[in-house]
């Protein structure tokens, strides 16, 4: 009877170790995917903001003034940001000063 109990305990111990290792790997994968998604979202925001600023600098170089609005950039320079996902704040102080551009996730 003791041999059967020892085999059962050994089997359960191995089974428990397998479950714990599987759970640890699963948690590691989920945390890694969340981290990668956060990095991707931050990069998308940076790229959107950078494209607007690049368009503003192009406008200044070609026309001699910074664009008066984000709408002007969209119409004349083809700058596009996913406006369903992001909000663009484009603030102009003067036509000869770089505008303040902020892109935030909705």
PDB file of N, CA and C in Angstrom:
ATOM      1  N   UNK A   1       0.812  -1.186   0.000  1.00  0.00           N
ATOM      2  CA  UNK A   1       0.000   0.000   0.000  1.00  0.00           C
ATOM      3  C   UNK A   1       0.865   1.262   0.000  1.00  0.00           C
ATOM      4  N   UNK A   2       1.978   1.242   0.707  1.00  0.00           N
ATOM      5  CA  UNK A   2       2.889   2.389   0.778  1.00  0.00           C
ATOM      6  C   UNK A   2       3.469   2.708  -0.596  1.00  0.00           C
ATOM      7  N   UNK A   3       3.771   1.694  -1.404  1.00  0.00           N
ATOM      8  CA  UNK A   3       4.356   1.933  -2.722  1.00  0.00           C
ATOM      9  C   UNK A   3       3.375   2.689  -3.614  1.00  0.00           C
ATOM     10  N   UNK A   4       2.088   2.307  -3.527  1.00  0.00           N
ATOM     11  CA  UNK A   4       1.090   3.007  -4.334  1.00  0.00           C
ATOM     12  C   UNK A   4       0.953   4.460  -3.876  1.00  0.00           C
ATOM     13  N   UNK A   5       0.984   4.667  -2.581  1.00  0.00           N
ATOM     14  CA  UNK A   5       0.883   6.032  -2.055  1.00  0.00           C
ATOM     15  C   UNK A   5       2.095   6.859  -2.459  1.00  0.00           C
ATOM     16  N   UNK A   6       3.284   6.290  -2.399  1.00  0.00           N
ATOM     17  CA  UNK A   6       4.506   6.998  -2.797  1.00  0.00           C
ATOM     18  C   UNK A   6       4.475   7.345  -4.283  1.00  0.00           C
ATOM     19  N   UNK A   7       3.988   6.416  -5.127  1.00  0.00           N
ATOM     20  CA  UNK A   7       3.891   6.690  -6.558  1.00  0.00           C
ATOM     21  C   UNK A   7       2.891   7.812  -6.820  1.00  0.00           C
ATOM     22  N   UNK A   8       1.773   7.769  -6.082  1.00  0.00           N
ATOM     23  CA  UNK A   8       0.746   8.792  -6.243  1.00  0.00           C
ATOM     24  C   UNK A   8       1.271  10.163  -5.818  1.00  0.00           C
ATOM     25  N   UNK A   9       1.979  10.223  -4.702  1.00  0.00           N
ATOM     26  CA  UNK A   9       2.551  11.485  -4.226  1.00  0.00           C
ATOM     27  C   UNK A   9       3.594  11.993  -5.221  1.00  0.00           C
ATOM     28  N   UNK A  10       4.422  11.126  -5.737  1.00  0.00           N
ATOM     29  CA  UNK A  10       5.436  11.512  -6.726  1.00  0.00           C
ATOM     30  C   UNK A  10       4.795  12.037  -7.995  1.00  0.00           C
ATOM     31  N   UNK A  11       3.746  11.354  -8.435  1.00  0.00           N
ATOM     32  CA  UNK A  11       3.036  11.794  -9.632  1.00  0.00           C
ATOM     33  C   UNK A  11       2.400  13.165  -9.419  1.00  0.00           C
ATOM     34  N   UNK A  12       1.751  13.359  -8.286  1.00  0.00           N
ATOM     35  CA  UNK A  12       1.123  14.643  -7.983  1.00  0.00           C
ATOM     36  C   UNK A  12       2.154  15.762  -7.864  1.00  0.00           C
ATOM     37  N   UNK A  13       3.311  15.443  -7.286  1.00  0.00           N
ATOM     38  CA  UNK A  13       4.373  16.445  -7.158  1.00  0.00           C
ATOM     39  C   UNK A  13       4.869  16.865  -8.546  1.00  0.00           C
ATOM     40  N   UNK A  14       5.088  15.911  -9.430  1.00  0.00           N
ATOM     41  CA  UNK A  14       5.527  16.239 -10.785  1.00  0.00           C
ATOM     42  C   UNK A  14       4.454  17.045 -11.518  1.00  0.00           C
ATOM     43  N   UNK A  15       3.222  16.655 -11.337  1.00  0.00           N
ATOM     44  CA  UNK A  15       2.099  17.346 -11.965  1.00  0.00           C
ATOM     45  C   UNK A  15       2.015  18.795 -11.458  1.00  0.00           C
ATOM     46  N   UNK A  16       2.182  18.986 -10.168  1.00  0.00           N
ATOM     47  CA  UNK A  16       2.131  20.326  -9.578  1.00  0.00           C
ATOM     48  C   UNK A  16       3.276  21.193 -10.089  1.00  0.00           C
ATOM     49  N   UNK A  17       4.454  20.629 -10.200  1.00  0.00           N
ATOM     50  CA  UNK A  17       5.608  21.371 -10.717  1.00  0.00           C
ATOM     51  C   UNK A  17       5.351  21.787 -12.156  1.00  0.00           C
ATOM     52  N   UNK A  18       4.784  20.905 -12.960  1.00  0.00           N
ATOM     53  CA  UNK A  18       4.477  21.224 -14.356  1.00  0.00           C
ATOM     54  C   UNK A  18       3.475  22.366 -14.443  1.00  0.00           C
ATOM     55  N   UNK A  19       2.466  22.336 -13.597  1.00  0.00           N
ATOM     56  CA  UNK A  19       1.453  23.388 -13.609  1.00  0.00           C
ATOM     57  C   UNK A  19       2.069  24.725 -13.207  1.00  0.00           C
ATOM     58  N   UNK A  20       2.902  24.718 -12.182  1.00  0.00           N
ATOM     59  CA  UNK A  20       3.546  25.955 -11.734  1.00  0.00           C
ATOM     60  C   UNK A  20       4.450  26.515 -12.830  1.00  0.00           C
ATOM     61  N   UNK A  21       5.221  25.674 -13.496  1.00  0.00           N
ATOM     62  CA  UNK A  21       6.096  26.139 -14.574  1.00  0.00           C
ATOM     63  C   UNK A  21       5.277  26.686 -15.738  1.00  0.00           C
ATOM     64  N   UNK A  22       4.207  25.999 -16.087  1.00  0.00           N
ATOM     65  CA  UNK A  22       3.345  26.471 -17.170  1.00  0.00           C
ATOM     66  C   UNK A  22       2.746  27.828 -16.827  1.00  0.00           C
ATOM     67  N   UNK A  23       2.274  27.985 -15.607  1.00  0.00           N
ATOM     68  CA  UNK A  23       1.683  29.257 -15.165  1.00  0.00           C
ATOM     69  C   UNK A  23       2.730  30.378 -15.217  1.00  0.00           C
ATOM     70  N   UNK A  24       3.944  30.083 -14.786  1.00  0.00           N
ATOM     71  CA  UNK A  24       5.011  31.091 -14.802  1.00  0.00           C
ATOM     72  C   UNK A  24       5.321  31.530 -16.236  1.00  0.00           C
ATOM     73  N   UNK A  25       5.387  30.579 -17.150  1.00  0.00           N
ATOM     74  CA  UNK A  25       5.655  30.908 -18.554  1.00  0.00           C
ATOM     75  C   UNK A  25       4.493  31.716 -19.128  1.00  0.00           C
ATOM     76  N   UNK A  26       3.262  31.343 -18.803  1.00  0.00           N
ATOM     77  CA  UNK A  26       2.094  32.067 -19.299  1.00  0.00           C
ATOM     78  C   UNK A  26       2.097  33.503 -18.792  1.00  0.00           C
ATOM     79  N   UNK A  27       2.389  33.709 -17.528  1.00  0.00           N
ATOM     80  CA  UNK A  27       2.434  35.060 -16.955  1.00  0.00           C
ATOM     81  C   UNK A  27       3.548  35.867 -17.625  1.00  0.00           C
ATOM     82  N   UNK A  28       4.693  35.260 -17.826  1.00  0.00           N
ATOM     83  CA  UNK A  28       5.816  35.929 -18.487  1.00  0.00           C
ATOM     84  C   UNK A  28       5.418  36.382 -19.891  1.00  0.00           C
ATOM     85  N   UNK A  29       4.719  35.530 -20.637  1.00  0.00           N
ATOM     86  CA  UNK A  29       4.291  35.873 -21.999  1.00  0.00           C
ATOM     87  C   UNK A  29       3.283  37.017 -21.995  1.00  0.00           C
ATOM     88  N   UNK A  30       2.321  36.982 -21.103  1.00  0.00           N
ATOM     89  CA  UNK A  30       1.307  38.028 -21.041  1.00  0.00           C
ATOM     90  C   UNK A  30       1.936  39.365 -20.672  1.00  0.00           C
ATOM     91  N   UNK A  31       2.826  39.366 -19.703  1.00  0.00           N
ATOM     92  CA  UNK A  31       3.492  40.604 -19.304  1.00  0.00           C
ATOM     93  C   UNK A  31       4.338  41.149 -20.459  1.00  0.00           C
ATOM     94  N   UNK A  32       5.015  40.273 -21.154  1.00  0.00           N
ATOM     95  CA  UNK A  32       5.823  40.687 -22.302  1.00  0.00           C
ATOM     96  C   UNK A  32       4.982  41.284 -23.413  1.00  0.00           C
ATOM     97  N   UNK A  33       3.839  40.690 -23.699  1.00  0.00           N
ATOM     98  CA  UNK A  33       2.963  41.220 -24.745  1.00  0.00           C
ATOM     99  C   UNK A  33       2.390  42.578 -24.347  1.00  0.00           C
ATOM    100  N   UNK A  34       2.024  42.742 -23.089  1.00  0.00           N
ATOM    101  CA  UNK A  34       1.517  44.035 -22.624  1.00  0.00           C
ATOM    102  C   UNK A  34       2.584  45.114 -22.745  1.00  0.00           C
ATOM    103  N   UNK A  35       3.806  44.775 -22.390  1.00  0.00           N
ATOM    104  CA  UNK A  35       4.918  45.727 -22.479  1.00  0.00           C
ATOM    105  C   UNK A  35       5.163  46.117 -23.941  1.00  0.00           C
ATOM    106  N   UNK A  36       5.129  45.143 -24.831  1.00  0.00           N
ATOM    107  CA  UNK A  36       5.346  45.419 -26.250  1.00  0.00           C
ATOM    108  C   UNK A  36       4.233  46.305 -26.804  1.00  0.00           C
ATOM    109  N   UNK A  37       3.004  46.074 -26.387  1.00  0.00           N
ATOM    110  CA  UNK A  37       1.882  46.885 -26.852  1.00  0.00           C
ATOM    111  C   UNK A  37       2.003  48.324 -26.362  1.00  0.00           C
ATOM    112  N   UNK A  38       2.412  48.500 -25.124  1.00  0.00           N
ATOM    113  CA  UNK A  38       2.609  49.848 -24.592  1.00  0.00           C
ATOM    114  C   UNK A  38       3.696  50.592 -25.375  1.00  0.00           C
ATOM    115  N   UNK A  39       4.777  49.903 -25.676  1.00  0.00           N
ATOM    116  CA  UNK A  39       5.871  50.516 -26.445  1.00  0.00           C
ATOM    117  C   UNK A  39       5.383  50.904 -27.837  1.00  0.00           C
ATOM    118  N   UNK A  40       4.580  50.043 -28.463  1.00  0.00           N
ATOM    119  CA  UNK A  40       4.064  50.311 -29.806  1.00  0.00           C
ATOM    120  C   UNK A  40       3.162  51.531 -29.794  1.00  0.00           C
ATOM    121  N   UNK A  41       2.311  51.662 -28.784  1.00  0.00           N
ATOM    122  CA  UNK A  41       1.418  52.813 -28.685  1.00  0.00           C
ATOM    123  C   UNK A  41       2.204  54.107 -28.481  1.00  0.00           C
ATOM    124  N   UNK A  42       3.217  54.056 -27.645  1.00  0.00           N
ATOM    125  CA  UNK A  42       4.048  55.243 -27.417  1.00  0.00           C
ATOM    126  C   UNK A  42       4.782  55.636 -28.696  1.00  0.00           C
ATOM    127  N   UNK A  43       5.246  54.659 -29.440  1.00  0.00           N
ATOM    128  CA  UNK A  43       5.946  54.929 -30.698  1.00  0.00           C
ATOM    129  C   UNK A  43       4.995  55.530 -31.727  1.00  0.00           C
ATOM    130  N   UNK A  44       3.757  55.044 -31.787  1.00  0.00           N
ATOM    131  CA  UNK A  44       2.771  55.579 -32.726  1.00  0.00           C
ATOM    132  C   UNK A  44       2.470  57.052 -32.402  1.00  0.00           C
ATOM    133  N   UNK A  45       2.358  57.378 -31.133  1.00  0.00           N
ATOM    134  CA  UNK A  45       2.145  58.772 -30.734  1.00  0.00           C
ATOM    135  C   UNK A  45       3.323  59.646 -31.152  1.00  0.00           C
ATOM    136  N   UNK A  46       4.531  59.155 -30.916  1.00  0.00           N
ATOM    137  CA  UNK A  46       5.728  59.913 -31.259  1.00  0.00           C
ATOM    138  C   UNK A  46       5.801  60.156 -32.770  1.00  0.00           C
ATOM    139  N   UNK A  47       5.490  59.129 -33.542  1.00  0.00           N
ATOM    140  CA  UNK A  47       5.549  59.256 -34.999  1.00  0.00           C
ATOM    141  C   UNK A  47       4.507  60.250 -35.501  1.00  0.00           C
ATOM    142  N   UNK A  48       3.297  60.211 -34.935  1.00  0.00           N
ATOM    143  CA  UNK A  48       2.246  61.147 -35.346  1.00  0.00           C
ATOM    144  C   UNK A  48       2.671  62.577 -35.059  1.00  0.00           C
ATOM    145  N   UNK A  49       3.181  62.812 -33.860  1.00  0.00           N
ATOM    146  CA  UNK A  49       3.623  64.154 -33.475  1.00  0.00           C
ATOM    147  C   UNK A  49       4.777  64.625 -34.360  1.00  0.00           C
ATOM    148  N   UNK A  50       5.705  63.723 -34.618  1.00  0.00           N
ATOM    149  CA  UNK A  50       6.868  64.059 -35.438  1.00  0.00           C
ATOM    150  C   UNK A  50       6.468  64.391 -36.879  1.00  0.00           C
ATOM    151  N   UNK A  51       5.489  63.678 -37.420  1.00  0.00           N
ATOM    152  CA  UNK A  51       5.067  63.951 -38.798  1.00  0.00           C
ATOM    153  C   UNK A  51       4.410  65.327 -38.906  1.00  0.00           C
ATOM    154  N   UNK A  52       3.656  65.723 -37.886  1.00  0.00           N
ATOM    155  CA  UNK A  52       3.042  67.055 -37.896  1.00  0.00           C
ATOM    156  C   UNK A  52       4.118  68.133 -37.823  1.00  0.00           C
ATOM    157  N   UNK A  53       5.092  67.936 -36.946  1.00  0.00           N
ATOM    158  CA  UNK A  53       6.182  68.920 -36.833  1.00  0.00           C
ATOM    159  C   UNK A  53       7.003  68.989 -38.118  1.00  0.00           C
ATOM    160  N   UNK A  54       7.252  67.844 -38.743  1.00  0.00           N
ATOM    161  CA  UNK A  54       8.003  67.826 -39.991  1.00  0.00           C
ATOM    162  C   UNK A  54       7.244  68.581 -41.081  1.00  0.00           C
ATOM    163  N   UNK A  55       5.915  68.400 -41.111  1.00  0.00           N
ATOM    164  CA  UNK A  55       5.096  69.137 -42.070  1.00  0.00           C
ATOM    165  C   UNK A  55       5.138  70.635 -41.808  1.00  0.00           C
ATOM    166  N   UNK A  56       5.130  71.025 -40.540  1.00  0.00           N
ATOM    167  CA  UNK A  56       5.198  72.443 -40.189  1.00  0.00           C
ATOM    168  C   UNK A  56       6.523  73.054 -40.629  1.00  0.00           C
ATOM    169  N   UNK A  57       7.602  72.323 -40.439  1.00  0.00           N
ATOM    170  CA  UNK A  57       8.923  72.818 -40.850  1.00  0.00           C
ATOM    171  C   UNK A  57       8.993  72.916 -42.375  1.00  0.00           C
ATOM    172  N   UNK A  58       8.417  71.943 -43.075  1.00  0.00           N
ATOM    173  CA  UNK A  58       8.387  71.999 -44.539  1.00  0.00           C
ATOM    174  C   UNK A  58       7.615  73.225 -45.012  1.00  0.00           C
ATOM    175  N   UNK A  59       6.504  73.498 -44.383  1.00  0.00           N
ATOM    176  CA  UNK A  59       5.703  74.674 -44.729  1.00  0.00           C
ATOM    177  C   UNK A  59       6.514  75.951 -44.517  1.00  0.00           C
ATOM    178  N   UNK A  60       7.217  76.011 -43.402  1.00  0.00           N
ATOM    179  CA  UNK A  60       8.027  77.193 -43.113  1.00  0.00           C
ATOM    180  C   UNK A  60       9.119  77.367 -44.167  1.00  0.00           C
ATOM    181  N   UNK A  61       9.742  76.261 -44.564  1.00  0.00           N
ATOM    182  CA  UNK A  61      10.818  76.330 -45.556  1.00  0.00           C
ATOM    183  C   UNK A  61      10.287  76.750 -46.929  1.00  0.00           C
ATOM    184  N   UNK A  62       9.106  76.269 -47.285  1.00  0.00           N
ATOM    185  CA  UNK A  62       8.564  76.557 -48.612  1.00  0.00           C
ATOM    186  C   UNK A  62       7.797  77.875 -48.689  1.00  0.00           C
ATOM    187  N   UNK A  63       7.063  78.213 -47.645  1.00  0.00           N
ATOM    188  CA  UNK A  63       6.167  79.358 -47.703  1.00  0.00           C
ATOM    189  C   UNK A  63       6.594  80.536 -46.826  1.00  0.00           C
ATOM    190  N   UNK A  64       7.554  80.308 -45.928  1.00  0.00           N
ATOM    191  CA  UNK A  64       8.054  81.401 -45.104  1.00  0.00           C
ATOM    192  C   UNK A  64       7.275  81.631 -43.821  1.00  0.00           C
ATOM    193  N   UNK A  65       6.323  80.772 -43.516  1.00  0.00           N
ATOM    194  CA  UNK A  65       5.580  80.868 -42.257  1.00  0.00           C
ATOM    195  C   UNK A  65       5.168  79.464 -41.822  1.00  0.00           C
ATOM    196  N   UNK A  66       4.962  79.335 -40.516  1.00  0.00           N
ATOM    197  CA  UNK A  66       4.462  78.057 -40.009  1.00  0.00           C
ATOM    198  C   UNK A  66       2.964  77.975 -40.281  1.00  0.00           C
ATOM    199  N   UNK A  67       2.443  76.786 -40.486  1.00  0.00           N
ATOM    200  CA  UNK A  67       1.021  76.652 -40.806  1.00  0.00           C
ATOM    201  C   UNK A  67       0.151  77.222 -39.681  1.00  0.00           C
ATOM    202  N   UNK A  68      -0.927  77.911 -40.041  1.00  0.00           N
ATOM    203  CA  UNK A  68      -1.787  78.502 -39.021  1.00  0.00           C
ATOM    204  C   UNK A  68      -2.618  77.481 -38.252  1.00  0.00           C
ATOM    205  N   UNK A  69      -2.755  76.274 -38.814  1.00  0.00           N
ATOM    206  CA  UNK A  69      -3.573  75.253 -38.134  1.00  0.00           C
ATOM    207  C   UNK A  69      -3.194  73.865 -38.621  1.00  0.00           C
ATOM    208  N   UNK A  70      -3.642  72.894 -37.880  1.00  0.00           N
ATOM    209  CA  UNK A  70      -3.468  71.494 -38.276  1.00  0.00           C
ATOM    210  C   UNK A  70      -4.261  71.227 -39.563  1.00  0.00           C
ATOM    211  N   UNK A  71      -5.399  71.870 -39.690  1.00  0.00           N
ATOM    212  CA  UNK A  71      -6.235  71.710 -40.893  1.00  0.00           C
ATOM    213  C   UNK A  71      -5.453  72.149 -42.140  1.00  0.00           C
ATOM    214  N   UNK A  72      -4.693  73.242 -42.024  1.00  0.00           N
ATOM    215  CA  UNK A  72      -3.878  73.729 -43.136  1.00  0.00           C
ATOM    216  C   UNK A  72      -2.854  72.671 -43.544  1.00  0.00           C
ATOM    217  N   UNK A  73      -2.252  72.034 -42.570  1.00  0.00           N
ATOM    218  CA  UNK A  73      -1.287  70.967 -42.859  1.00  0.00           C
ATOM    219  C   UNK A  73      -1.960  69.801 -43.571  1.00  0.00           C
ATOM    220  N   UNK A  74      -3.143  69.438 -43.121  1.00  0.00           N
ATOM    221  CA  UNK A  74      -3.856  68.323 -43.746  1.00  0.00           C
ATOM    222  C   UNK A  74      -4.195  68.642 -45.200  1.00  0.00           C
ATOM    223  N   UNK A  75      -4.684  69.844 -45.438  1.00  0.00           N
ATOM    224  CA  UNK A  75      -5.117  70.231 -46.778  1.00  0.00           C
ATOM    225  C   UNK A  75      -3.954  70.417 -47.747  1.00  0.00           C
ATOM    226  N   UNK A  76      -2.872  71.043 -47.286  1.00  0.00           N
ATOM    227  CA  UNK A  76      -1.790  71.427 -48.197  1.00  0.00           C
ATOM    228  C   UNK A  76      -0.566  70.510 -48.189  1.00  0.00           C
ATOM    229  N   UNK A  77      -0.397  69.725 -47.140  1.00  0.00           N
ATOM    230  CA  UNK A  77       0.805  68.904 -47.039  1.00  0.00           C
ATOM    231  C   UNK A  77       0.508  67.416 -46.843  1.00  0.00           C
ATOM    232  N   UNK A  78      -0.763  67.062 -46.845  1.00  0.00           N
ATOM    233  CA  UNK A  78      -1.140  65.651 -46.762  1.00  0.00           C
ATOM    234  C   UNK A  78      -0.837  64.975 -45.441  1.00  0.00           C
ATOM    235  N   UNK A  79      -0.687  65.749 -44.400  1.00  0.00           N
ATOM    236  CA  UNK A  79      -0.413  65.171 -43.077  1.00  0.00           C
ATOM    237  C   UNK A  79      -1.698  64.529 -42.569  1.00  0.00           C
ATOM    238  N   UNK A  80      -1.613  63.276 -42.136  1.00  0.00           N
ATOM    239  CA  UNK A  80      -2.787  62.573 -41.628  1.00  0.00           C
ATOM    240  C   UNK A  80      -2.451  61.858 -40.323  1.00  0.00           C
ATOM    241  N   UNK A  81      -3.359  62.004 -39.373  1.00  0.00           N
ATOM    242  CA  UNK A  81      -3.273  61.296 -38.101  1.00  0.00           C
ATOM    243  C   UNK A  81      -4.632  60.631 -37.898  1.00  0.00           C
ATOM    244  N   UNK A  82      -4.652  59.430 -37.390  1.00  0.00           N
ATOM    245  CA  UNK A  82      -5.903  58.712 -37.138  1.00  0.00           C
ATOM    246  C   UNK A  82      -6.687  59.465 -36.065  1.00  0.00           C
ATOM    247  N   UNK A  83      -7.614  60.307 -36.504  1.00  0.00           N
ATOM    248  CA  UNK A  83      -8.336  61.180 -35.576  1.00  0.00           C
ATOM    249  C   UNK A  83      -9.417  60.447 -34.788  1.00  0.00           C
ATOM    250  N   UNK A  84      -9.699  59.211 -35.149  1.00  0.00           N
ATOM    251  CA  UNK A  84     -10.609  58.410 -34.334  1.00  0.00           C
ATOM    252  C   UNK A  84      -9.884  57.863 -33.107  1.00  0.00           C
ATOM    253  N   UNK A  85      -8.583  57.742 -33.231  1.00  0.00           N
ATOM    254  CA  UNK A  85      -7.768  57.183 -32.142  1.00  0.00           C
ATOM    255  C   UNK A  85      -7.020  58.253 -31.355  1.00  0.00           C
ATOM    256  N   UNK A  86      -6.641  59.353 -32.038  1.00  0.00           N
ATOM    257  CA  UNK A  86      -5.817  60.382 -31.413  1.00  0.00           C
ATOM    258  C   UNK A  86      -6.475  61.761 -31.501  1.00  0.00           C
ATOM    259  N   UNK A  87      -6.129  62.604 -30.546  1.00  0.00           N
ATOM    260  CA  UNK A  87      -6.514  64.016 -30.578  1.00  0.00           C
ATOM    261  C   UNK A  87      -5.241  64.824 -30.814  1.00  0.00           C
ATOM    262  N   UNK A  88      -5.341  65.803 -31.713  1.00  0.00           N
ATOM    263  CA  UNK A  88      -4.193  66.649 -32.042  1.00  0.00           C
ATOM    264  C   UNK A  88      -4.445  68.042 -31.492  1.00  0.00           C
ATOM    265  N   UNK A  89      -3.492  68.524 -30.707  1.00  0.00           N
ATOM    266  CA  UNK A  89      -3.538  69.889 -30.192  1.00  0.00           C
ATOM    267  C   UNK A  89      -2.419  70.657 -30.884  1.00  0.00           C
ATOM    268  N   UNK A  90      -2.802  71.615 -31.697  1.00  0.00           N
ATOM    269  CA  UNK A  90      -1.861  72.393 -32.500  1.00  0.00           C
ATOM    270  C   UNK A  90      -2.025  73.851 -32.098  1.00  0.00           C
ATOM    271  N   UNK A  91      -1.048  74.394 -31.403  1.00  0.00           N
ATOM    272  CA  UNK A  91      -1.134  75.756 -30.882  1.00  0.00           C
ATOM    273  C   UNK A  91      -0.077  76.628 -31.547  1.00  0.00           C
ATOM    274  N   UNK A  92      -0.546  77.742 -32.129  1.00  0.00           N
ATOM    275  CA  UNK A  92       0.349  78.673 -32.817  1.00  0.00           C
ATOM    276  C   UNK A  92       0.437  79.960 -31.998  1.00  0.00           C
ATOM    277  N   UNK A  93       1.661  80.398 -31.773  1.00  0.00           N
ATOM    278  CA  UNK A  93       1.886  81.671 -31.071  1.00  0.00           C
ATOM    279  C   UNK A  93       2.060  82.800 -32.085  1.00  0.00           C
ATOM    280  N   UNK A  94       2.880  82.550 -33.086  1.00  0.00           N
ATOM    281  CA  UNK A  94       3.118  83.528 -34.148  1.00  0.00           C
ATOM    282  C   UNK A  94       3.525  82.760 -35.396  1.00  0.00           C
ATOM    283  N   UNK A  95       3.348  83.378 -36.565  1.00  0.00           N
ATOM    284  CA  UNK A  95       3.617  82.668 -37.816  1.00  0.00           C
ATOM    285  C   UNK A  95       5.101  82.378 -38.037  1.00  0.00           C
ATOM    286  N   UNK A  96       5.972  83.052 -37.272  1.00  0.00           N
ATOM    287  CA  UNK A  96       7.407  82.802 -37.428  1.00  0.00           C
ATOM    288  C   UNK A  96       7.995  81.989 -36.272  1.00  0.00           C
ATOM    289  N   UNK A  97       7.130  81.431 -35.430  1.00  0.00           N
ATOM    290  CA  UNK A  97       7.593  80.594 -34.311  1.00  0.00           C
ATOM    291  C   UNK A  97       7.007  79.192 -34.451  1.00  0.00           C
ATOM    292  N   UNK A  98       7.825  78.217 -34.140  1.00  0.00           N
ATOM    293  CA  UNK A  98       7.409  76.817 -34.235  1.00  0.00           C
ATOM    294  C   UNK A  98       6.154  76.586 -33.401  1.00  0.00           C
ATOM    295  N   UNK A  99       5.131  75.962 -33.963  1.00  0.00           N
ATOM    296  CA  UNK A  99       3.927  75.688 -33.192  1.00  0.00           C
ATOM    297  C   UNK A  99       4.170  74.613 -32.140  1.00  0.00           C
ATOM    298  N   UNK A 100       3.315  74.612 -31.131  1.00  0.00           N
ATOM    299  CA  UNK A 100       3.373  73.576 -30.104  1.00  0.00           C
ATOM    300  C   UNK A 100       2.403  72.472 -30.532  1.00  0.00           C
ATOM    301  N   UNK A 101       2.915  71.262 -30.694  1.00  0.00           N
ATOM    302  CA  UNK A 101       2.091  70.144 -31.151  1.00  0.00           C
ATOM    303  C   UNK A 101       2.076  69.068 -30.090  1.00  0.00           C
ATOM    304  N   UNK A 102       0.866  68.640 -29.731  1.00  0.00           N
ATOM    305  CA  UNK A 102       0.706  67.546 -28.791  1.00  0.00           C
ATOM    306  C   UNK A 102      -0.326  66.575 -29.361  1.00  0.00           C
ATOM    307  N   UNK A 103       0.024  65.303 -29.369  1.00  0.00           N
ATOM    308  CA  UNK A 103      -0.890  64.263 -29.827  1.00  0.00           C
ATOM    309  C   UNK A 103      -1.140  63.341 -28.635  1.00  0.00           C
ATOM    310  N   UNK A 104      -2.411  63.131 -28.327  1.00  0.00           N
ATOM    311  CA  UNK A 104      -2.769  62.260 -27.200  1.00  0.00           C
ATOM    312  C   UNK A 104      -3.779  61.221 -27.667  1.00  0.00           C
ATOM    313  N   UNK A 105      -3.760  60.112 -26.998  1.00  0.00           N
ATOM    314  CA  UNK A 105      -4.708  59.043 -27.310  1.00  0.00           C
ATOM    315  C   UNK A 105      -6.062  59.378 -26.710  1.00  0.00           C
ATOM    316  N   UNK A 106      -7.114  59.126 -27.470  1.00  0.00           N
ATOM    317  CA  UNK A 106      -8.481  59.387 -26.966  1.00  0.00           C
ATOM    318  C   UNK A 106      -8.853  58.398 -25.895  1.00  0.00           C
TER     319      UNK A 106
END
